[in-house]
Protein backbone atom coordinates (compact mmCIF):
# COMPACT_ATOMS: atom_id res chain seq x y z
CA MET A 1 17.16 44.78 13.78
CA ASN A 2 15.09 46.21 10.80
CA GLU A 3 13.77 48.84 13.04
CA LEU A 4 17.14 49.94 14.12
CA ALA A 5 18.36 49.99 10.37
CA SER A 6 15.32 52.34 9.61
CA VAL A 7 16.48 54.58 12.40
CA LEU A 8 19.94 54.72 11.14
CA ALA A 9 18.63 55.46 7.53
CA ALA A 10 16.49 58.31 8.84
CA PHE A 11 19.62 59.66 10.74
CA TYR A 12 21.66 59.51 7.47
CA ASP A 13 18.77 61.38 5.51
CA ALA A 14 18.69 64.17 8.12
CA THR A 15 22.51 64.51 8.58
CA GLN A 16 24.26 62.83 5.63
CA CYS A 17 26.41 61.12 8.21
CA GLU A 18 27.13 57.55 7.91
CA ALA A 19 26.45 55.46 10.99
CA GLY A 20 26.66 51.80 12.12
CA VAL A 21 25.80 49.57 15.25
CA TRP A 22 28.28 46.94 15.84
CA MET A 23 27.73 43.97 18.34
CA GLN A 24 29.98 41.27 19.71
CA LEU A 25 27.95 37.93 19.85
CA GLY A 26 29.01 34.87 21.75
CA THR A 27 32.26 34.91 23.77
CA THR A 28 34.28 38.06 24.41
CA ASP A 29 37.03 36.90 21.89
CA ALA A 30 34.63 37.03 19.06
CA SER A 31 34.90 39.85 16.56
CA PRO A 32 32.13 42.41 16.46
CA THR A 33 29.68 42.21 13.40
CA LEU A 34 27.61 45.04 11.99
CA GLU A 35 24.19 44.66 13.20
CA ALA A 36 22.51 47.74 11.49
CA GLY A 37 24.04 50.61 9.47
CA THR A 38 23.66 52.92 6.60
CA ALA A 39 24.96 52.20 3.11
CA ASN A 40 28.45 52.99 3.79
CA ALA A 41 28.64 52.33 7.45
CA PRO A 42 32.13 52.87 9.09
CA THR A 43 34.18 49.70 9.95
CA PRO A 44 36.46 50.71 12.94
CA GLU A 45 39.82 48.99 13.39
CA ARG A 46 39.28 48.89 17.11
CA PHE A 47 36.33 48.96 19.72
CA PRO A 48 36.90 50.72 23.07
CA ALA A 49 35.85 49.36 26.38
CA LEU A 50 32.66 50.74 27.98
CA VAL A 51 34.74 52.81 30.46
CA ASP A 52 36.58 54.61 27.69
CA GLY A 53 33.92 56.89 26.56
CA GLN A 54 33.85 58.39 23.08
CA GLN A 55 37.00 57.90 20.91
CA SER A 56 38.19 58.69 17.42
CA VAL A 57 39.51 55.45 15.60
CA PRO A 58 40.65 54.75 12.06
CA SER A 59 38.21 52.81 9.77
CA SER A 60 37.80 51.84 6.31
CA ASN A 61 36.29 55.24 5.68
CA GLY A 62 38.79 57.34 7.56
CA GLU A 63 38.51 58.70 11.06
CA VAL A 64 35.29 57.83 12.72
CA LEU A 65 33.86 58.59 16.34
CA ILE A 66 32.85 55.49 18.20
CA ALA A 67 31.32 54.87 21.65
CA ALA A 68 30.34 51.72 23.65
CA VAL A 69 26.68 51.25 24.22
CA PRO A 70 25.76 50.98 27.90
CA GLY A 71 24.11 47.70 28.76
CA PRO A 72 24.48 44.04 29.12
CA ARG A 73 25.25 43.55 25.38
CA HIS A 74 28.58 44.32 23.85
CA ALA A 75 27.67 47.00 21.38
CA TRP A 76 29.28 50.24 19.82
CA VAL A 77 27.90 53.16 17.81
CA ALA A 78 30.21 54.41 15.06
CA LEU A 79 29.84 57.57 13.36
CA GLY A 80 31.49 59.15 10.16
CA PRO A 81 32.59 60.30 8.12
CA CYS A 82 30.21 63.29 7.48
CA PRO A 83 30.75 65.59 4.16
CA ARG A 84 29.62 68.61 6.30
CA PRO A 85 32.84 70.16 7.74
CA GLU A 86 30.87 72.32 10.08
CA VAL A 87 29.37 69.37 11.83
CA ASP A 88 30.61 68.01 15.15
CA LEU A 89 30.22 64.36 15.31
CA HIS A 90 30.23 64.34 19.21
CA ASP A 91 26.91 66.25 19.01
CA PHE A 92 25.37 63.78 16.76
CA LEU A 93 26.70 60.99 18.79
CA LYS A 94 25.24 62.60 21.98
CA PHE A 95 21.80 62.27 20.19
CA LEU A 96 22.29 58.75 18.77
CA LEU A 97 23.83 56.93 21.54
CA PRO A 98 20.86 57.19 23.80
CA VAL A 99 18.36 56.15 21.07
CA VAL A 100 20.42 53.07 20.26
CA THR A 101 20.89 52.18 24.03
CA GLN A 102 16.96 52.31 24.61
CA TYR A 103 16.33 50.22 21.33
CA LEU A 104 18.91 47.46 22.31
CA GLN A 105 17.55 47.44 26.01
CA SER A 106 13.97 47.10 24.50
CA ALA A 107 14.90 44.17 22.24
CA LEU A 108 16.50 42.45 25.15
CA GLU A 109 13.47 42.68 27.24
CA VAL A 110 11.25 41.49 24.67
CA GLU A 111 13.70 38.55 24.07
CA HIS A 112 13.64 37.65 27.58
CA ALA A 113 9.73 37.93 27.83
CA ALA A 114 9.30 35.66 24.99
CA ASN A 115 11.56 32.99 26.37
CA GLU A 116 9.83 33.17 29.70
CA LEU A 117 6.40 32.97 28.17
CA ALA A 118 7.58 29.96 26.12
CA GLU A 119 8.73 28.23 29.20
CA ARG A 120 5.45 29.12 31.14
CA TYR A 121 3.48 27.59 28.29
CA GLU A 122 5.52 24.17 28.49
CA GLU A 123 4.79 24.18 32.23
CA ILE A 124 1.05 24.52 31.58
CA ASN A 125 1.04 21.77 29.04
CA LEU A 126 2.86 19.46 31.56
CA LEU A 127 0.44 20.52 34.33
CA TYR A 128 -2.57 19.64 32.06
CA THR A 129 -1.19 16.23 31.43
CA ILE A 130 -0.32 15.57 35.03
CA SER A 131 -3.89 16.83 36.26
CA GLU A 132 -5.43 14.24 33.78
CA ILE A 133 -3.24 11.35 35.25
CA LEU A 134 -3.97 12.20 38.73
CA GLY A 135 -7.78 12.48 37.94
CA ARG A 136 -8.08 9.09 36.37
CA THR A 137 -5.91 6.99 38.72
CA VAL A 138 -4.71 6.48 42.20
CA ALA A 139 -2.35 3.66 41.30
CA LEU A 140 1.12 4.76 42.19
CA ASP A 141 3.02 2.84 39.75
CA GLU A 142 0.70 3.79 36.71
CA ALA A 143 0.66 7.48 37.58
CA THR A 144 4.37 7.81 38.13
CA LYS A 145 5.32 5.86 35.08
CA THR A 146 3.18 8.19 32.79
CA ILE A 147 4.32 11.34 34.46
CA LEU A 148 8.08 10.19 34.00
CA LYS A 149 7.41 9.55 30.40
CA GLU A 150 5.86 13.03 29.92
CA VAL A 151 8.70 14.79 31.80
CA SER A 152 11.45 12.77 29.92
CA GLU A 153 10.10 13.80 26.66
CA THR A 154 9.92 17.49 27.53
CA VAL A 155 13.53 17.55 28.76
CA GLY A 156 15.07 15.04 26.27
CA ALA A 157 16.16 12.46 28.84
CA ARG A 158 16.52 8.80 27.46
CA LYS A 159 17.14 7.32 31.03
CA ALA A 160 14.96 8.24 34.18
CA SER A 161 13.64 6.83 37.42
CA VAL A 162 11.43 7.70 40.24
CA LEU A 163 12.39 6.33 43.64
CA VAL A 164 10.18 6.28 46.68
CA HIS A 165 11.02 6.09 50.34
CA ASP A 166 10.09 3.03 52.19
CA ARG A 167 9.95 3.88 55.90
CA ALA A 168 10.04 0.27 57.01
CA THR A 169 13.40 -0.50 55.51
CA ASN A 170 14.63 3.14 55.14
CA THR A 171 15.51 2.60 51.61
CA LEU A 172 14.61 4.14 48.20
CA TYR A 173 13.03 1.81 45.73
CA ALA A 174 12.02 2.20 42.11
CA VAL A 175 8.35 2.65 41.25
CA ALA A 176 9.00 3.88 37.65
CA ALA A 177 12.06 3.79 35.38
CA LEU A 178 12.62 4.78 31.69
CA GLY A 179 15.34 3.14 29.45
CA VAL A 180 15.74 0.36 31.89
CA ASP A 181 13.95 -2.85 33.20
CA LEU A 182 12.21 -1.81 36.34
CA ALA A 183 12.82 -5.24 38.02
CA THR A 184 16.50 -4.82 37.77
CA VAL A 185 16.75 -1.71 39.72
CA ALA A 186 18.04 -2.53 43.10
CA PRO A 187 16.89 -0.49 46.25
CA ILE A 188 19.33 2.09 47.75
CA SER A 189 19.88 2.72 51.41
CA VAL A 190 19.01 6.36 52.45
CA ASP A 191 22.50 6.26 54.24
CA ASP A 192 24.41 5.11 51.10
CA PRO A 193 27.38 7.54 51.04
CA CYS A 194 28.08 7.29 47.29
CA SER A 195 24.53 7.45 45.91
CA VAL A 196 23.35 10.83 44.39
CA SER A 197 19.75 9.81 45.08
CA ALA A 198 20.16 9.17 48.80
CA ARG A 199 22.21 12.49 49.07
CA VAL A 200 19.32 14.29 47.30
CA PHE A 201 16.74 12.64 49.68
CA ARG A 202 18.89 13.44 52.81
CA THR A 203 19.50 17.01 52.04
CA GLN A 204 16.31 17.61 50.45
CA HIS A 205 18.21 19.65 47.79
CA PRO A 206 18.63 19.10 44.04
CA VAL A 207 21.90 17.90 42.47
CA LEU A 208 23.17 17.97 39.04
CA ALA A 209 26.14 15.38 39.11
CA GLU A 210 28.60 15.43 36.44
CA GLY A 211 29.47 12.45 34.22
CA ASN A 212 32.11 11.10 36.58
CA GLU A 213 30.97 12.51 39.88
CA GLN A 214 29.64 10.38 42.73
CA LEU A 215 29.21 7.12 40.78
CA CYS A 216 27.20 4.31 42.52
CA PRO A 217 26.68 0.65 41.22
CA GLU A 218 22.98 0.79 42.05
CA GLU A 219 22.32 3.66 39.88
CA ALA A 220 24.33 2.62 36.95
CA SER A 221 21.25 1.16 35.23
CA TYR A 222 19.41 4.33 34.93
CA ARG A 223 22.47 6.72 34.70
CA ARG A 224 24.64 7.66 31.62
CA GLY A 225 26.82 10.66 31.99
CA ALA A 226 25.37 13.62 33.98
CA MET A 227 22.12 13.19 36.03
CA LEU A 228 19.84 15.50 37.47
CA SER A 229 18.30 14.53 40.80
CA ILE A 230 15.24 16.25 42.35
CA PRO A 231 13.78 15.57 45.60
CA ILE A 232 9.87 14.74 45.76
CA MET A 233 8.45 16.71 48.50
CA TRP A 234 5.10 16.84 50.19
CA THR A 235 4.27 20.02 52.29
CA ALA A 236 2.27 19.35 55.51
CA PRO A 237 1.08 21.93 57.96
CA PRO A 238 3.25 22.61 61.17
CA PRO A 239 4.73 21.04 62.97
CA ARG A 240 5.63 18.47 60.23
CA GLY A 241 6.45 20.85 57.59
CA ALA A 242 8.10 19.72 54.25
CA GLU A 243 8.44 15.85 54.11
CA PRO A 244 10.76 14.14 51.58
CA LEU A 245 8.95 11.35 49.78
CA GLY A 246 11.56 10.12 47.17
CA VAL A 247 13.63 11.40 44.24
CA VAL A 248 13.31 11.96 40.36
CA ASN A 249 16.33 11.18 38.31
CA LEU A 250 16.90 12.20 34.59
CA SER A 251 20.12 11.19 32.63
CA ASP A 252 21.44 10.60 29.07
CA ARG A 253 20.00 13.73 27.39
CA ARG A 254 19.56 13.37 23.54
CA SER A 255 20.96 16.75 22.72
CA GLY A 256 24.08 16.02 24.70
CA HIS A 257 23.86 19.32 26.53
CA MET A 258 23.82 19.89 30.18
CA PHE A 259 20.72 20.20 32.22
CA THR A 260 19.88 23.87 32.86
CA ALA A 261 18.55 25.82 35.78
CA GLY A 262 15.21 26.19 33.80
CA ASP A 263 15.17 22.26 33.61
CA GLN A 264 15.75 22.11 37.34
CA LYS A 265 12.90 24.44 37.99
CA LEU A 266 10.57 22.73 35.89
CA ILE A 267 11.39 19.16 37.18
CA ALA A 268 11.16 20.53 40.78
CA ALA A 269 7.44 21.67 39.92
CA ILE A 270 6.70 18.13 38.58
CA ALA A 271 8.40 16.51 41.41
CA THR A 272 5.64 18.20 43.68
CA GLN A 273 2.87 16.66 41.49
CA ILE A 274 4.57 13.43 41.74
CA GLY A 275 4.49 13.75 45.48
CA THR A 276 0.78 14.37 45.21
CA ALA A 277 0.52 11.13 43.35
CA ILE A 278 2.55 9.19 45.94
CA GLN A 279 0.36 10.86 48.84
CA ASN A 280 -2.61 9.83 46.88
CA ALA A 281 -1.52 6.23 46.77
CA ARG A 282 -1.03 6.37 50.46
CA LEU A 283 -4.40 7.75 51.07
CA VAL A 284 -6.23 5.12 49.10
CA ARG A 285 -4.45 2.42 51.00
CA ALA A 286 -5.73 4.14 54.20
CA SER A 287 -9.21 4.91 52.86
CA VAL A 288 -10.96 2.56 55.39
CA ASP A 289 -10.30 5.32 57.89
CA GLN A 290 -12.48 8.09 56.48
CA GLN A 291 -11.36 10.65 59.18
CA ARG A 292 -7.82 10.18 58.11
CA LEU A 293 -8.70 10.54 54.38
CA ALA A 294 -10.75 13.73 55.22
CA HIS A 295 -7.60 14.95 57.08
CA GLU A 296 -5.21 14.28 54.18
CA MET A 297 -7.59 16.04 51.73
CA GLN A 298 -7.22 19.07 53.75
CA LEU A 299 -3.55 18.86 53.44
CA ALA A 300 -4.15 18.76 49.83
CA HIS A 301 -6.16 21.85 49.78
CA ASP A 302 -3.54 23.61 51.79
CA LEU A 303 -1.05 22.80 49.19
CA GLN A 304 -3.27 24.55 46.65
CA MET A 305 -3.58 27.54 48.85
CA LYS A 306 0.18 28.00 48.74
CA LEU A 307 -0.55 28.93 45.05
CA LEU A 308 -2.06 32.22 46.09
CA PRO A 309 0.03 35.43 45.33
CA ASN A 310 1.86 37.63 47.78
CA ASN A 311 -0.09 40.77 48.04
CA ALA A 312 3.19 42.81 47.62
CA VAL A 313 3.56 41.57 44.03
CA VAL A 314 1.68 44.45 42.66
CA ALA A 315 3.16 47.20 45.16
CA PRO A 316 3.73 50.17 45.04
CA GLU A 317 1.26 50.72 42.18
CA ALA A 318 -1.55 48.96 44.08
CA ILE A 319 -2.26 48.32 47.88
CA VAL A 320 -3.81 44.91 48.41
CA ALA A 321 -5.39 43.26 51.38
CA ALA A 322 -6.68 39.62 50.70
CA ARG A 323 -7.27 36.61 52.75
CA VAL A 324 -8.48 32.94 51.93
CA VAL A 325 -9.81 30.92 54.86
CA PRO A 326 -10.22 27.35 53.44
CA ALA A 327 -13.33 25.21 54.41
CA GLU A 328 -12.84 21.97 56.07
CA SER A 329 -13.16 20.13 52.82
CA VAL A 330 -11.28 20.79 49.67
CA GLY A 331 -12.49 23.79 47.54
CA GLY A 332 -11.80 25.98 44.65
CA ASP A 333 -11.64 29.70 45.73
CA PHE A 334 -8.80 31.65 44.36
CA TYR A 335 -7.57 34.99 43.60
CA ASN A 336 -4.77 36.34 41.64
CA LEU A 337 -2.79 39.62 41.07
CA PHE A 338 -0.76 40.67 38.02
CA ARG A 339 1.66 43.42 37.53
CA LEU A 340 0.88 44.88 33.90
CA GLY A 341 2.54 47.41 31.83
CA GLY A 342 1.94 51.20 32.24
CA SER A 343 1.42 51.01 36.02
CA LYS A 344 -1.70 49.00 35.47
CA THR A 345 -2.80 46.16 37.89
CA GLY A 346 -4.72 43.18 37.16
CA VAL A 347 -6.93 41.53 39.78
CA MET A 348 -8.83 38.32 39.61
CA ILE A 349 -11.20 36.42 41.93
CA GLY A 350 -12.89 33.10 41.12
CA ASP A 351 -14.66 30.07 42.46
CA VAL A 352 -14.59 26.73 41.02
CA SER A 353 -17.97 24.99 41.34
CA GLY A 354 -18.14 21.98 43.62
CA HIS A 355 -15.46 20.66 46.06
CA GLY A 356 -12.96 17.82 46.20
CA TYR A 357 -9.58 17.21 44.62
CA GLN A 358 -10.86 18.01 41.07
CA ALA A 359 -12.05 21.36 42.02
CA ALA A 360 -8.54 22.23 43.56
CA LEU A 361 -6.97 20.94 40.35
CA ILE A 362 -9.08 23.06 38.23
CA MET A 363 -8.15 25.84 40.42
CA ALA A 364 -4.39 25.36 40.02
CA LEU A 365 -4.85 25.26 36.29
CA THR A 366 -6.92 28.23 36.19
CA MET A 367 -4.28 30.41 38.25
CA SER A 368 -1.41 29.28 36.00
CA ALA A 369 -3.07 29.74 32.75
CA ALA A 370 -4.36 33.24 33.84
CA ALA A 371 -0.71 34.15 34.74
CA ILE A 372 -0.03 33.80 31.00
CA HIS A 373 -3.15 35.01 29.37
CA SER A 374 -3.12 38.35 31.51
CA GLN A 375 0.15 39.18 29.87
CA THR A 376 -0.97 38.89 26.48
CA LYS A 377 -4.53 40.04 26.48
CA ALA A 378 -5.16 43.65 27.27
CA GLU A 379 -8.93 43.67 27.56
CA PRO A 380 -10.38 41.70 30.55
CA GLY A 381 -13.04 40.09 28.38
CA GLU A 382 -10.51 38.89 25.93
CA MET A 383 -8.44 37.47 28.93
CA LEU A 384 -11.25 35.42 30.46
CA HIS A 385 -12.40 34.08 26.89
CA SER A 386 -8.72 32.92 26.30
CA LEU A 387 -8.77 31.26 29.81
CA PHE A 388 -12.01 29.63 29.00
CA SER A 389 -10.50 28.27 25.85
CA THR A 390 -7.57 26.94 27.60
CA LEU A 391 -9.74 25.15 30.29
CA ARG A 392 -12.60 24.15 27.98
CA ASP A 393 -11.84 20.38 27.88
CA GLU A 394 -11.11 20.11 31.54
CA LEU A 395 -14.22 21.98 32.47
CA ALA A 396 -16.26 19.80 30.13
CA MET A 397 -14.76 16.49 31.32
CA THR A 398 -15.46 17.40 34.94
CA GLU A 399 -18.80 19.05 34.50
CA MET A 400 -17.57 22.06 36.41
CA PHE A 401 -17.61 25.86 35.82
CA ILE A 402 -15.83 28.83 37.06
CA SER A 403 -17.43 32.05 38.28
CA ALA A 404 -14.71 34.61 37.72
CA PHE A 405 -14.18 38.39 37.99
CA TYR A 406 -11.17 40.08 36.27
CA ALA A 407 -10.38 43.74 36.38
CA VAL A 408 -7.50 45.90 35.06
CA ILE A 409 -7.01 49.19 37.12
CA ASP A 410 -5.41 51.94 35.18
CA PRO A 411 -4.71 54.86 37.33
CA VAL A 412 -2.95 56.94 34.89
CA ALA A 413 -5.99 56.83 32.45
CA GLY A 414 -8.35 56.93 35.61
CA GLU A 415 -10.13 53.73 34.35
CA LEU A 416 -11.40 50.40 35.92
CA ARG A 417 -11.97 47.79 33.03
CA TYR A 418 -13.50 44.69 34.04
CA SER A 419 -15.33 41.47 32.86
CA ASN A 420 -17.67 39.57 35.34
CA THR A 421 -18.68 35.99 34.27
CA GLY A 422 -21.12 35.00 36.95
CA HIS A 423 -19.39 36.27 39.95
CA PRO A 424 -22.08 37.90 42.23
CA HIS A 425 -19.97 39.87 44.83
CA ALA A 426 -17.99 42.61 43.09
CA PHE A 427 -18.32 46.26 44.10
CA LEU A 428 -16.54 49.70 43.67
CA LEU A 429 -16.44 51.96 46.69
CA SER A 430 -16.04 55.60 45.36
CA LYS A 431 -14.28 58.41 47.21
CA GLU A 432 -17.65 59.92 48.03
CA GLY A 433 -18.63 56.62 49.66
CA GLY A 434 -21.02 55.41 47.12
CA LEU A 435 -21.03 51.49 46.51
CA GLU A 436 -21.63 50.28 42.95
CA ARG A 437 -22.31 46.61 42.10
CA LEU A 438 -19.98 45.53 39.15
CA ALA A 439 -22.73 43.10 37.97
CA ALA A 440 -22.16 40.01 36.04
CA SER A 441 -22.70 40.47 32.27
CA ASP A 442 -22.03 36.88 31.30
CA PRO A 443 -22.55 33.28 32.79
CA PRO A 444 -19.70 31.47 34.39
CA LEU A 445 -16.86 30.18 32.28
CA GLY A 446 -17.82 26.78 31.04
CA MET A 447 -21.58 27.67 30.65
CA ASP A 448 -21.19 29.54 27.38
CA GLU A 449 -18.96 29.92 24.27
CA ASN A 450 -19.34 33.57 23.65
CA PRO A 451 -16.62 35.87 24.61
CA PRO A 452 -17.48 37.78 27.72
CA ALA A 453 -18.03 41.61 27.61
CA THR A 454 -15.52 44.18 29.00
CA THR A 455 -17.04 47.29 31.04
CA CYS A 456 -15.31 50.41 31.79
CA ARG A 457 -15.67 52.58 34.96
CA ARG A 458 -14.12 55.73 36.12
CA TRP A 459 -11.31 55.06 38.71
CA VAL A 460 -9.92 57.73 41.16
CA HIS A 461 -6.41 57.18 41.99
CA GLY A 462 -5.62 56.52 45.60
CA LYS A 463 -9.21 56.93 46.60
CA ASP A 464 -11.54 54.18 44.88
CA LEU A 465 -11.69 50.72 46.63
CA LEU A 466 -12.44 47.54 44.50
CA VAL A 467 -14.13 45.00 46.71
CA LEU A 468 -14.45 41.46 45.92
CA PHE A 469 -15.49 38.30 47.87
CA THR A 470 -16.78 34.96 47.15
CA ASP A 471 -20.27 33.46 48.07
CA GLY A 472 -18.73 31.58 51.11
CA VAL A 473 -18.83 35.11 52.84
CA SER A 474 -22.32 35.97 52.41
CA ASP A 475 -23.47 32.31 52.84
CA ALA A 476 -21.39 31.99 56.10
CA ARG A 477 -23.75 30.41 58.72
CA ASN A 478 -23.84 30.47 62.53
CA ARG A 479 -24.66 27.17 64.52
CA TRP A 480 -28.40 27.79 64.10
CA GLY A 481 -28.09 27.70 60.32
CA GLU A 482 -28.47 31.63 59.96
CA ARG A 483 -26.70 33.28 56.88
CA LEU A 484 -24.56 36.36 57.41
CA GLY A 485 -25.75 37.90 54.16
CA GLU A 486 -24.30 40.36 52.06
CA ASP A 487 -25.57 43.67 53.54
CA ARG A 488 -23.52 43.45 56.71
CA ILE A 489 -20.35 43.21 54.73
CA LEU A 490 -21.43 46.15 52.59
CA ASP A 491 -22.41 48.27 55.41
CA LEU A 492 -19.01 47.85 56.82
CA ILE A 493 -17.23 48.76 53.48
CA ARG A 494 -19.45 51.89 53.19
CA GLU A 495 -18.63 52.92 56.86
CA HIS A 496 -14.94 52.37 56.86
CA GLY A 497 -13.87 51.70 53.30
CA SER A 498 -12.73 55.27 52.70
CA GLU A 499 -10.93 56.15 55.90
CA LEU A 500 -9.27 52.94 56.68
CA THR A 501 -6.56 50.97 54.86
CA PRO A 502 -7.52 48.01 52.91
CA ALA A 503 -5.73 45.73 55.50
CA GLU A 504 -7.69 47.33 58.42
CA VAL A 505 -10.90 46.91 56.57
CA LEU A 506 -10.23 43.23 56.00
CA SER A 507 -9.52 42.52 59.40
CA ARG A 508 -12.78 44.17 60.75
CA ALA A 509 -14.67 42.06 57.99
CA PHE A 510 -13.29 38.77 59.23
CA ASP A 511 -14.13 39.88 62.74
CA VAL A 512 -17.75 40.29 61.61
CA LEU A 513 -17.60 36.82 60.08
CA GLU A 514 -16.04 35.38 63.24
CA THR A 515 -18.63 36.97 65.43
CA HIS A 516 -21.49 35.67 63.39
CA THR A 517 -20.23 32.02 63.00
CA GLN A 518 -19.09 31.62 66.66
CA GLY A 519 -16.92 28.58 65.55
CA ALA A 520 -19.58 26.82 63.57
CA PRO A 521 -17.98 24.48 60.92
CA ARG A 522 -17.49 26.25 57.49
CA ARG A 523 -19.26 25.03 54.51
CA ASP A 524 -17.17 26.82 51.89
CA ASP A 525 -13.97 28.75 51.59
CA LEU A 526 -14.07 32.62 52.66
CA THR A 527 -12.21 34.98 50.40
CA ILE A 528 -12.22 38.65 50.48
CA VAL A 529 -9.91 40.91 48.23
CA LEU A 530 -9.67 44.60 48.65
CA VAL A 531 -7.62 46.79 46.21
CA ARG A 532 -6.80 50.57 46.26
CA ALA A 533 -4.50 51.70 43.32
């Protein structure tokens, strides 16, 4: 509250009026404490409710004027006494109250943002660890044991277990456990009425069971007190949809505190990765059937595609039309959208080199890390450099690289600031119909240690159109092996980009692609992103 104290000191210098900001921390029964004030800040004998408006109340300094500060925090502004008899304290309070209200609201937003950022970093670190586990092993027991250890250390659980469904016996059996001998963990029938794990598996919903709630003998070895139980899900295409694979259980927290909604959210995300490990193990056991393996790899890619953002996330500041059509093999195309401060919009498109499960994992890591760095780095070049620093080890280990384009559209300043690391298909369509290539100034991420450059272009609000697509579009081939090329897409943009909505232009672009390929197998993902802000 140092800044608030400075504001009150300046207020005193200008008015000679004592002032203080009091806050009630913890429970509603707690006594308010002085958070910031002048040298002889008033100490009111009572604090009015928010609906009571301004009141004159006794204090250690005599009669003072006090009013509650609007907002989620319980806070009050107190004024007086003032040695100038001609002064009306109500006028001073009318000026000071909005200033304090805005300050406390801003401080609360900063606090929430910091907490959320810390949680996101924790998720990223876990995601790194899990990607390494999945990349180096397909053995179910080894993968789940290591993942369970990492998760338990993060949330501070002494006891934990991973139970997997056995279709043949319709039971949940343990494949990994912490704080207990795995061999002593008995299987649990899915229909068991007293088991928390069976209930979670059946309902496909997480449960936080209190210490004395729904006790089951089969769960006693890995449960002490409250237990957080999360379903392990695998998302398959229709008509199968979401399929439960097992359950993750965590108990006996070191801190003695209850598991929180944040813990539940984090474990649910990790349970999805455990589901990937379980599905991998099943795929390896069926690897003699190559067609089956290819099909399941497509499911893995579909799961990665679910990470792509909803285009409405940046509305109404920006109108976005985007589509990714995955190839039959697993690939690494992606795009991301970020709502930034000051009506700015961040737009990113990228392509991880190669195909396969490693490319899909690098894609997931890139999107998660970019979501963090876009909020902390104002310049696009700085953001991409921070992103590379985060992914450096993974890119070196897999010998992969990422062609990426990241832009920040600022309609208020009329600027488009961007950084292009090896992405060949980025264009700006002006309101006059001119199409400018936003050329790559730096090599793809993973090929160079130097920070990428940032370039600035004029941006006309509501008129200019940012056009981005991956090389899968220009390289799309028909059944005779003929490439579509870049020019046919660009001609379409020039003709219709200014008069039609981004969604209409996108639809016509994919019509061109379908007409050209005529159902020929796709060799690469097809990704197009159009943005008007």
